[in-house]
Amino acid sequence: MSGPEFIVAIVAIGCFTGLIKKWMDNRYNNPEITSKNKLQELRDLFEQHKNEMQQRVQHLEAIVAEDEDETEPDYRQIEASSSDSTLKNDLQQKERV
């Protein structure tokens, strides 16, 4: 083999090797298969998270419903009347207002 034929043979072997490597990568590392598996895994995780959140919301709704059932104190009975002379605050003194 002479010089130019040898160079052409090396370039051809390099290109052929690159093509075989690319073909093998596409054949064994199919992105569609891995993406379908990842999508299924993400879908399962999302469903699990969604169910957990629904349970939490149901628990919170039950707690709120229990709190609403309890009687709330009547704050009007706790407040003192404005005519009560024992209370001294700035709002009852008209000179400062």
PDB file of N, CA and C in Angstrom:
ATOM      1  N   MET A   1       0.827  -1.175   0.000  1.00  0.00           N
ATOM      2  CA  MET A   1       0.000   0.000   0.000  1.00  0.00           C
ATOM      3  C   MET A   1       0.878   1.248   0.000  1.00  0.00           C
ATOM      4  N   SER A   2       0.489   2.182  -0.820  1.00  0.00           N
ATOM      5  CA  SER A   2       1.230   3.437  -0.877  1.00  0.00           C
ATOM      6  C   SER A   2       0.614   4.439   0.105  1.00  0.00           C
ATOM      7  N   GLY A   3       1.196   5.588   0.195  1.00  0.00           N
ATOM      8  CA  GLY A   3       0.797   6.608   1.165  1.00  0.00           C
ATOM      9  C   GLY A   3      -0.660   7.050   1.062  1.00  0.00           C
ATOM     10  N   PRO A   4      -1.137   7.461  -0.143  1.00  0.00           N
ATOM     11  CA  PRO A   4      -2.534   7.920  -0.237  1.00  0.00           C
ATOM     12  C   PRO A   4      -3.544   6.809   0.032  1.00  0.00           C
ATOM     13  N   GLU A   5      -3.248   5.589  -0.414  1.00  0.00           N
ATOM     14  CA  GLU A   5      -4.174   4.478  -0.162  1.00  0.00           C
ATOM     15  C   GLU A   5      -4.263   4.165   1.333  1.00  0.00           C
ATOM     16  N   PHE A   6      -3.138   4.273   2.028  1.00  0.00           N
ATOM     17  CA  PHE A   6      -3.103   4.004   3.460  1.00  0.00           C
ATOM     18  C   PHE A   6      -3.940   5.042   4.220  1.00  0.00           C
ATOM     19  N   ILE A   7      -3.825   6.295   3.826  1.00  0.00           N
ATOM     20  CA  ILE A   7      -4.596   7.361   4.488  1.00  0.00           C
ATOM     21  C   ILE A   7      -6.089   7.159   4.255  1.00  0.00           C
ATOM     22  N   VAL A   8      -6.465   6.813   3.018  1.00  0.00           N
ATOM     23  CA  VAL A   8      -7.877   6.575   2.706  1.00  0.00           C
ATOM     24  C   VAL A   8      -8.400   5.390   3.514  1.00  0.00           C
ATOM     25  N   ALA A   9      -7.593   4.333   3.674  1.00  0.00           N
ATOM     26  CA  ALA A   9      -8.017   3.162   4.443  1.00  0.00           C
ATOM     27  C   ALA A   9      -8.222   3.509   5.913  1.00  0.00           C
ATOM     28  N   ILE A  10      -7.346   4.307   6.483  1.00  0.00           N
ATOM     29  CA  ILE A  10      -7.481   4.703   7.904  1.00  0.00           C
ATOM     30  C   ILE A  10      -8.722   5.568   8.097  1.00  0.00           C
ATOM     31  N   VAL A  11      -8.953   6.502   7.191  1.00  0.00           N
ATOM     32  CA  VAL A  11     -10.147   7.359   7.278  1.00  0.00           C
ATOM     33  C   VAL A  11     -11.411   6.518   7.136  1.00  0.00           C
ATOM     34  N   ALA A  12     -11.416   5.562   6.226  1.00  0.00           N
ATOM     35  CA  ALA A  12     -12.586   4.689   6.031  1.00  0.00           C
ATOM     36  C   ALA A  12     -12.846   3.841   7.271  1.00  0.00           C
ATOM     37  N   ILE A  13     -11.780   3.311   7.879  1.00  0.00           N
ATOM     38  CA  ILE A  13     -11.949   2.507   9.097  1.00  0.00           C
ATOM     39  C   ILE A  13     -12.503   3.379  10.234  1.00  0.00           C
ATOM     40  N   GLY A  14     -11.992   4.588  10.353  1.00  0.00           N
ATOM     41  CA  GLY A  14     -12.491   5.513  11.387  1.00  0.00           C
ATOM     42  C   GLY A  14     -13.962   5.846  11.202  1.00  0.00           C
ATOM     43  N   CYS A  15     -14.365   6.139   9.961  1.00  0.00           N
ATOM     44  CA  CYS A  15     -15.777   6.457   9.681  1.00  0.00           C
ATOM     45  C   CYS A  15     -16.665   5.248   9.918  1.00  0.00           C
ATOM     46  N   PHE A  16     -16.206   4.074   9.470  1.00  0.00           N
ATOM     47  CA  PHE A  16     -16.974   2.845   9.643  1.00  0.00           C
ATOM     48  C   PHE A  16     -17.146   2.513  11.129  1.00  0.00           C
ATOM     49  N   THR A  17     -16.091   2.718  11.909  1.00  0.00           N
ATOM     50  CA  THR A  17     -16.160   2.481  13.352  1.00  0.00           C
ATOM     51  C   THR A  17     -17.149   3.447  14.007  1.00  0.00           C
ATOM     52  N   GLY A  18     -17.118   4.700  13.594  1.00  0.00           N
ATOM     53  CA  GLY A  18     -18.066   5.686  14.129  1.00  0.00           C
ATOM     54  C   GLY A  18     -19.504   5.331  13.809  1.00  0.00           C
ATOM     55  N   LEU A  19     -19.748   4.874  12.577  1.00  0.00           N
ATOM     56  CA  LEU A  19     -21.103   4.476  12.182  1.00  0.00           C
ATOM     57  C   LEU A  19     -21.595   3.271  12.989  1.00  0.00           C
ATOM     58  N   ILE A  20     -20.710   2.283  13.189  1.00  0.00           N
ATOM     59  CA  ILE A  20     -21.098   1.093  13.967  1.00  0.00           C
ATOM     60  C   ILE A  20     -21.400   1.485  15.413  1.00  0.00           C
ATOM     61  N   LYS A  21     -20.565   2.355  15.982  1.00  0.00           N
ATOM     62  CA  LYS A  21     -20.797   2.792  17.362  1.00  0.00           C
ATOM     63  C   LYS A  21     -22.131   3.531  17.480  1.00  0.00           C
ATOM     64  N   LYS A  22     -22.409   4.402  16.552  1.00  0.00           N
ATOM     65  CA  LYS A  22     -23.679   5.155  16.576  1.00  0.00           C
ATOM     66  C   LYS A  22     -24.866   4.200  16.435  1.00  0.00           C
ATOM     67  N   TRP A  23     -24.768   3.211  15.569  1.00  0.00           N
ATOM     68  CA  TRP A  23     -25.845   2.237  15.373  1.00  0.00           C
ATOM     69  C   TRP A  23     -26.087   1.428  16.647  1.00  0.00           C
ATOM     70  N   MET A  24     -24.985   1.020  17.300  1.00  0.00           N
ATOM     71  CA  MET A  24     -25.135   0.244  18.528  1.00  0.00           C
ATOM     72  C   MET A  24     -25.735   1.089  19.658  1.00  0.00           C
ATOM     73  N   ASP A  25     -25.325   2.358  19.752  1.00  0.00           N
ATOM     74  CA  ASP A  25     -25.896   3.238  20.777  1.00  0.00           C
ATOM     75  C   ASP A  25     -27.395   3.424  20.570  1.00  0.00           C
ATOM     76  N   ASN A  26     -27.803   3.614  19.330  1.00  0.00           N
ATOM     77  CA  ASN A  26     -29.225   3.798  19.046  1.00  0.00           C
ATOM     78  C   ASN A  26     -30.018   2.511  19.268  1.00  0.00           C
ATOM     79  N   ARG A  27     -29.397   1.395  19.003  1.00  0.00           N
ATOM     80  CA  ARG A  27     -30.101   0.125  19.129  1.00  0.00           C
ATOM     81  C   ARG A  27     -30.302  -0.269  20.583  1.00  0.00           C
ATOM     82  N   TYR A  28     -29.291  -0.100  21.420  1.00  0.00           N
ATOM     83  CA  TYR A  28     -29.361  -0.572  22.796  1.00  0.00           C
ATOM     84  C   TYR A  28     -29.776   0.515  23.790  1.00  0.00           C
ATOM     85  N   ASN A  29     -29.638   1.738  23.429  1.00  0.00           N
ATOM     86  CA  ASN A  29     -30.052   2.843  24.299  1.00  0.00           C
ATOM     87  C   ASN A  29     -31.175   3.616  23.631  1.00  0.00           C
ATOM     88  N   ASN A  30     -32.268   2.920  23.383  1.00  0.00           N
ATOM     89  CA  ASN A  30     -33.390   3.526  22.685  1.00  0.00           C
ATOM     90  C   ASN A  30     -34.010   4.591  23.587  1.00  0.00           C
ATOM     91  N   PRO A  31     -33.982   5.850  23.172  1.00  0.00           N
ATOM     92  CA  PRO A  31     -34.532   6.904  24.028  1.00  0.00           C
ATOM     93  C   PRO A  31     -36.041   6.787  24.225  1.00  0.00           C
ATOM     94  N   GLU A  32     -36.748   6.201  23.274  1.00  0.00           N
ATOM     95  CA  GLU A  32     -38.191   6.041  23.427  1.00  0.00           C
ATOM     96  C   GLU A  32     -38.520   5.080  24.559  1.00  0.00           C
ATOM     97  N   ILE A  33     -37.754   3.998  24.666  1.00  0.00           N
ATOM     98  CA  ILE A  33     -38.007   3.025  25.719  1.00  0.00           C
ATOM     99  C   ILE A  33     -37.713   3.635  27.081  1.00  0.00           C
ATOM    100  N   THR A  34     -36.588   4.325  27.213  1.00  0.00           N
ATOM    101  CA  THR A  34     -36.250   4.922  28.503  1.00  0.00           C
ATOM    102  C   THR A  34     -37.210   6.050  28.852  1.00  0.00           C
ATOM    103  N   SER A  35     -37.639   6.829  27.865  1.00  0.00           N
ATOM    104  CA  SER A  35     -38.560   7.911  28.175  1.00  0.00           C
ATOM    105  C   SER A  35     -39.933   7.359  28.566  1.00  0.00           C
ATOM    106  N   LYS A  36     -40.363   6.250  27.965  1.00  0.00           N
ATOM    107  CA  LYS A  36     -41.637   5.645  28.357  1.00  0.00           C
ATOM    108  C   LYS A  36     -41.561   5.122  29.776  1.00  0.00           C
ATOM    109  N   ASN A  37     -40.423   4.507  30.125  1.00  0.00           N
ATOM    110  CA  ASN A  37     -40.257   4.012  31.492  1.00  0.00           C
ATOM    111  C   ASN A  37     -40.227   5.161  32.495  1.00  0.00           C
ATOM    112  N   LYS A  38     -39.529   6.227  32.141  1.00  0.00           N
ATOM    113  CA  LYS A  38     -39.470   7.384  33.024  1.00  0.00           C
ATOM    114  C   LYS A  38     -40.839   8.033  33.170  1.00  0.00           C
ATOM    115  N   LEU A  39     -41.572   8.135  32.073  1.00  0.00           N
ATOM    116  CA  LEU A  39     -42.909   8.714  32.138  1.00  0.00           C
ATOM    117  C   LEU A  39     -43.840   7.873  33.013  1.00  0.00           C
ATOM    118  N   GLN A  40     -43.755   6.563  32.903  1.00  0.00           N
ATOM    119  CA  GLN A  40     -44.579   5.685  33.728  1.00  0.00           C
ATOM    120  C   GLN A  40     -44.202   5.849  35.203  1.00  0.00           C
ATOM    121  N   GLU A  41     -42.914   5.935  35.478  1.00  0.00           N
ATOM    122  CA  GLU A  41     -42.464   6.118  36.854  1.00  0.00           C
ATOM    123  C   GLU A  41     -42.934   7.462  37.410  1.00  0.00           C
ATOM    124  N   LEU A  42     -42.821   8.517  36.598  1.00  0.00           N
ATOM    125  CA  LEU A  42     -43.303   9.827  37.030  1.00  0.00           C
ATOM    126  C   LEU A  42     -44.810   9.832  37.234  1.00  0.00           C
ATOM    127  N   ARG A  43     -45.541   9.144  36.369  1.00  0.00           N
ATOM    128  CA  ARG A  43     -46.988   9.056  36.505  1.00  0.00           C
ATOM    129  C   ARG A  43     -47.366   8.363  37.810  1.00  0.00           C
ATOM    130  N   ASP A  44     -46.665   7.269  38.134  1.00  0.00           N
ATOM    131  CA  ASP A  44     -46.935   6.550  39.381  1.00  0.00           C
ATOM    132  C   ASP A  44     -46.624   7.412  40.599  1.00  0.00           C
ATOM    133  N   LEU A  45     -45.494   8.133  40.547  1.00  0.00           N
ATOM    134  CA  LEU A  45     -45.144   9.014  41.661  1.00  0.00           C
ATOM    135  C   LEU A  45     -46.152  10.143  41.821  1.00  0.00           C
ATOM    136  N   PHE A  46     -46.614  10.683  40.689  1.00  0.00           N
ATOM    137  CA  PHE A  46     -47.614  11.749  40.754  1.00  0.00           C
ATOM    138  C   PHE A  46     -48.923  11.242  41.355  1.00  0.00           C
ATOM    139  N   GLU A  47     -49.362  10.055  40.958  1.00  0.00           N
ATOM    140  CA  GLU A  47     -50.585   9.481  41.514  1.00  0.00           C
ATOM    141  C   GLU A  47     -50.453   9.264  43.016  1.00  0.00           C
ATOM    142  N   GLN A  48     -49.300   8.783  43.454  1.00  0.00           N
ATOM    143  CA  GLN A  48     -49.066   8.561  44.875  1.00  0.00           C
ATOM    144  C   GLN A  48     -49.105   9.894  45.626  1.00  0.00           C
ATOM    145  N   HIS A  49     -48.447  10.913  45.086  1.00  0.00           N
ATOM    146  CA  HIS A  49     -48.444  12.233  45.714  1.00  0.00           C
ATOM    147  C   HIS A  49     -49.854  12.826  45.756  1.00  0.00           C
ATOM    148  N   LYS A  50     -50.580  12.649  44.680  1.00  0.00           N
ATOM    149  CA  LYS A  50     -51.948  13.173  44.614  1.00  0.00           C
ATOM    150  C   LYS A  50     -52.832  12.520  45.663  1.00  0.00           C
ATOM    151  N   ASN A  51     -52.720  11.203  45.827  1.00  0.00           N
ATOM    152  CA  ASN A  51     -53.515  10.503  46.832  1.00  0.00           C
ATOM    153  C   ASN A  51     -53.149  10.948  48.239  1.00  0.00           C
ATOM    154  N   GLU A  52     -51.853  11.149  48.504  1.00  0.00           N
ATOM    155  CA  GLU A  52     -51.428  11.622  49.813  1.00  0.00           C
ATOM    156  C   GLU A  52     -51.989  13.010  50.097  1.00  0.00           C
ATOM    157  N   MET A  53     -51.972  13.885  49.099  1.00  0.00           N
ATOM    158  CA  MET A  53     -52.488  15.238  49.287  1.00  0.00           C
ATOM    159  C   MET A  53     -54.002  15.215  49.512  1.00  0.00           C
ATOM    160  N   GLN A  54     -54.719  14.338  48.825  1.00  0.00           N
ATOM    161  CA  GLN A  54     -56.155  14.230  49.038  1.00  0.00           C
ATOM    162  C   GLN A  54     -56.461  13.770  50.461  1.00  0.00           C
ATOM    163  N   GLN A  55     -55.681  12.832  50.969  1.00  0.00           N
ATOM    164  CA  GLN A  55     -55.882  12.374  52.337  1.00  0.00           C
ATOM    165  C   GLN A  55     -55.600  13.492  53.333  1.00  0.00           C
ATOM    166  N   ARG A  56     -54.547  14.263  53.079  1.00  0.00           N
ATOM    167  CA  ARG A  56     -54.240  15.374  53.981  1.00  0.00           C
ATOM    168  C   ARG A  56     -55.365  16.402  53.980  1.00  0.00           C
ATOM    169  N   VAL A  57     -55.899  16.708  52.807  1.00  0.00           N
ATOM    170  CA  VAL A  57     -56.983  17.681  52.721  1.00  0.00           C
ATOM    171  C   VAL A  57     -58.220  17.159  53.455  1.00  0.00           C
ATOM    172  N   GLN A  58     -58.508  15.876  53.313  1.00  0.00           N
ATOM    173  CA  GLN A  58     -59.653  15.294  54.021  1.00  0.00           C
ATOM    174  C   GLN A  58     -59.470  15.383  55.528  1.00  0.00           C
ATOM    175  N   HIS A  59     -58.255  15.129  56.000  1.00  0.00           N
ATOM    176  CA  HIS A  59     -57.986  15.242  57.435  1.00  0.00           C
ATOM    177  C   HIS A  59     -58.155  16.685  57.909  1.00  0.00           C
ATOM    178  N   LEU A  60     -57.647  17.631  57.129  1.00  0.00           N
ATOM    179  CA  LEU A  60     -57.786  19.032  57.501  1.00  0.00           C
ATOM    180  C   LEU A  60     -59.248  19.467  57.486  1.00  0.00           C
ATOM    181  N   GLU A  61     -60.006  19.002  56.504  1.00  0.00           N
ATOM    182  CA  GLU A  61     -61.428  19.332  56.459  1.00  0.00           C
ATOM    183  C   GLU A  61     -62.160  18.752  57.663  1.00  0.00           C
ATOM    184  N   ALA A  62     -61.787  17.557  58.088  1.00  0.00           N
ATOM    185  CA  ALA A  62     -62.408  16.953  59.262  1.00  0.00           C
ATOM    186  C   ALA A  62     -62.080  17.760  60.511  1.00  0.00           C
ATOM    187  N   ILE A  63     -60.854  18.245  60.621  1.00  0.00           N
ATOM    188  CA  ILE A  63     -60.476  19.057  61.782  1.00  0.00           C
ATOM    189  C   ILE A  63     -61.259  20.356  61.786  1.00  0.00           C
ATOM    190  N   VAL A  64     -61.379  20.992  60.631  1.00  0.00           N
ATOM    191  CA  VAL A  64     -62.129  22.251  60.549  1.00  0.00           C
ATOM    192  C   VAL A  64     -63.596  22.013  60.874  1.00  0.00           C
ATOM    193  N   ALA A  65     -64.151  20.918  60.398  1.00  0.00           N
ATOM    194  CA  ALA A  65     -65.558  20.607  60.678  1.00  0.00           C
ATOM    195  C   ALA A  65     -65.769  20.385  62.174  1.00  0.00           C
ATOM    196  N   GLU A  66     -64.820  19.745  62.848  1.00  0.00           N
ATOM    197  CA  GLU A  66     -64.928  19.544  64.291  1.00  0.00           C
ATOM    198  C   GLU A  66     -64.859  20.872  65.030  1.00  0.00           C
ATOM    199  N   ASP A  67     -63.990  21.774  64.575  1.00  0.00           N
ATOM    200  CA  ASP A  67     -63.865  23.083  65.219  1.00  0.00           C
ATOM    201  C   ASP A  67     -65.137  23.907  65.029  1.00  0.00           C
ATOM    202  N   GLU A  68     -65.786  23.790  63.888  1.00  0.00           N
ATOM    203  CA  GLU A  68     -67.017  24.540  63.649  1.00  0.00           C
ATOM    204  C   GLU A  68     -68.165  24.009  64.492  1.00  0.00           C
ATOM    205  N   ASP A  69     -68.130  22.742  64.822  1.00  0.00           N
ATOM    206  CA  ASP A  69     -69.187  22.157  65.644  1.00  0.00           C
ATOM    207  C   ASP A  69     -69.136  22.660  67.077  1.00  0.00           C
ATOM    208  N   GLU A  70     -67.961  22.969  67.563  1.00  0.00           N
ATOM    209  CA  GLU A  70     -67.838  23.492  68.918  1.00  0.00           C
ATOM    210  C   GLU A  70     -68.445  24.884  68.961  1.00  0.00           C
ATOM    211  N   THR A  71     -69.034  25.202  70.081  1.00  0.00           N
ATOM    212  CA  THR A  71     -69.651  26.525  70.198  1.00  0.00           C
ATOM    213  C   THR A  71     -68.572  27.573  70.406  1.00  0.00           C
ATOM    214  N   GLU A  72     -68.719  28.651  69.689  1.00  0.00           N
ATOM    215  CA  GLU A  72     -67.777  29.747  69.824  1.00  0.00           C
ATOM    216  C   GLU A  72     -68.229  30.628  70.986  1.00  0.00           C
ATOM    217  N   PRO A  73     -67.296  31.147  71.743  1.00  0.00           N
ATOM    218  CA  PRO A  73     -67.687  32.006  72.856  1.00  0.00           C
ATOM    219  C   PRO A  73     -68.328  33.286  72.341  1.00  0.00           C
ATOM    220  N   ASP A  74     -69.281  33.779  73.080  1.00  0.00           N
ATOM    221  CA  ASP A  74     -69.960  35.011  72.710  1.00  0.00           C
ATOM    222  C   ASP A  74     -69.154  36.176  73.276  1.00  0.00           C
ATOM    223  N   TYR A  75     -68.418  36.851  72.414  1.00  0.00           N
ATOM    224  CA  TYR A  75     -67.537  37.914  72.877  1.00  0.00           C
ATOM    225  C   TYR A  75     -68.304  39.153  73.316  1.00  0.00           C
ATOM    226  N   ARG A  76     -69.535  39.280  72.918  1.00  0.00           N
ATOM    227  CA  ARG A  76     -70.326  40.435  73.352  1.00  0.00           C
ATOM    228  C   ARG A  76     -70.563  40.397  74.852  1.00  0.00           C
ATOM    229  N   GLN A  77     -70.623  39.209  75.413  1.00  0.00           N
ATOM    230  CA  GLN A  77     -70.823  39.099  76.858  1.00  0.00           C
ATOM    231  C   GLN A  77     -69.545  39.433  77.619  1.00  0.00           C
ATOM    232  N   ILE A  78     -68.419  39.243  77.000  1.00  0.00           N
ATOM    233  CA  ILE A  78     -67.158  39.490  77.675  1.00  0.00           C
ATOM    234  C   ILE A  78     -66.844  40.980  77.704  1.00  0.00           C
ATOM    235  N   GLU A  79     -67.214  41.720  76.683  1.00  0.00           N
ATOM    236  CA  GLU A  79     -66.895  43.136  76.612  1.00  0.00           C
ATOM    237  C   GLU A  79     -67.690  43.906  77.664  1.00  0.00           C
ATOM    238  N   ALA A  80     -67.028  44.865  78.207  1.00  0.00           N
ATOM    239  CA  ALA A  80     -67.688  45.719  79.207  1.00  0.00           C
ATOM    240  C   ALA A  80     -68.455  46.809  78.486  1.00  0.00           C
ATOM    241  N   SER A  81     -69.456  47.284  79.089  1.00  0.00           N
ATOM    242  CA  SER A  81     -70.251  48.350  78.471  1.00  0.00           C
ATOM    243  C   SER A  81     -69.473  49.661  78.539  1.00  0.00           C
ATOM    244  N   SER A  82     -69.821  50.577  77.667  1.00  0.00           N
ATOM    245  CA  SER A  82     -69.114  51.858  77.624  1.00  0.00           C
ATOM    246  C   SER A  82     -69.502  52.752  78.803  1.00  0.00           C
ATOM    247  N   SER A  83     -70.588  52.444  79.462  1.00  0.00           N
ATOM    248  CA  SER A  83     -71.001  53.256  80.604  1.00  0.00           C
ATOM    249  C   SER A  83     -70.356  52.786  81.909  1.00  0.00           C
ATOM    250  N   ASP A  84     -69.553  51.764  81.853  1.00  0.00           N
ATOM    251  CA  ASP A  84     -68.898  51.262  83.055  1.00  0.00           C
ATOM    252  C   ASP A  84     -67.855  52.281  83.489  1.00  0.00           C
ATOM    253  N   SER A  85     -67.985  52.788  84.678  1.00  0.00           N
ATOM    254  CA  SER A  85     -67.096  53.856  85.147  1.00  0.00           C
ATOM    255  C   SER A  85     -65.767  53.329  85.662  1.00  0.00           C
ATOM    256  N   THR A  86     -65.642  52.048  85.858  1.00  0.00           N
ATOM    257  CA  THR A  86     -64.382  51.516  86.374  1.00  0.00           C
ATOM    258  C   THR A  86     -63.318  51.424  85.294  1.00  0.00           C
ATOM    259  N   LEU A  87     -63.731  51.460  84.041  1.00  0.00           N
ATOM    260  CA  LEU A  87     -62.761  51.394  82.958  1.00  0.00           C
ATOM    261  C   LEU A  87     -62.226  52.782  82.651  1.00  0.00           C
ATOM    262  N   LYS A  88     -60.928  52.888  82.597  1.00  0.00           N
ATOM    263  CA  LYS A  88     -60.289  54.168  82.273  1.00  0.00           C
ATOM    264  C   LYS A  88     -59.325  53.917  81.125  1.00  0.00           C
ATOM    265  N   ASN A  89     -59.642  54.427  79.972  1.00  0.00           N
ATOM    266  CA  ASN A  89     -58.721  54.358  78.841  1.00  0.00           C
ATOM    267  C   ASN A  89     -58.851  55.615  78.010  1.00  0.00           C
ATOM    268  N   ASP A  90     -57.969  55.772  77.081  1.00  0.00           N
ATOM    269  CA  ASP A  90     -57.921  56.994  76.282  1.00  0.00           C
ATOM    270  C   ASP A  90     -59.138  57.165  75.398  1.00  0.00           C
ATOM    271  N   LEU A  91     -59.773  56.091  75.002  1.00  0.00           N
ATOM    272  CA  LEU A  91     -60.917  56.203  74.110  1.00  0.00           C
ATOM    273  C   LEU A  91     -62.133  56.776  74.823  1.00  0.00           C
ATOM    274  N   GLN A  92     -62.219  56.603  76.126  1.00  0.00           N
ATOM    275  CA  GLN A  92     -63.364  57.132  76.866  1.00  0.00           C
ATOM    276  C   GLN A  92     -63.163  58.574  77.290  1.00  0.00           C
ATOM    277  N   GLN A  93     -61.998  59.080  77.179  1.00  0.00           N
ATOM    278  CA  GLN A  93     -61.726  60.459  77.572  1.00  0.00           C
ATOM    279  C   GLN A  93     -61.794  61.345  76.321  1.00  0.00           C
ATOM    280  N   LYS A  94     -62.783  62.202  76.279  1.00  0.00           N
ATOM    281  CA  LYS A  94     -63.024  63.015  75.090  1.00  0.00           C
ATOM    282  C   LYS A  94     -62.032  64.154  74.950  1.00  0.00           C
ATOM    283  N   GLU A  95     -61.404  64.592  76.034  1.00  0.00           N
ATOM    284  CA  GLU A  95     -60.498  65.719  75.940  1.00  0.00           C
ATOM    285  C   GLU A  95     -59.262  65.388  75.107  1.00  0.00           C
ATOM    286  N   ARG A  96     -58.798  64.174  75.187  1.00  0.00           N
ATOM    287  CA  ARG A  96     -57.572  63.790  74.464  1.00  0.00           C
ATOM    288  C   ARG A  96     -57.839  63.475  73.011  1.00  0.00           C
ATOM    289  N   VAL A  97     -59.044  63.200  72.664  1.00  0.00           N
ATOM    290  CA  VAL A  97     -59.355  62.822  71.293  1.00  0.00           C
ATOM    291  C   VAL A  97     -59.484  63.986  70.435  1.00  0.00           C
TER     292      VAL A  97
END
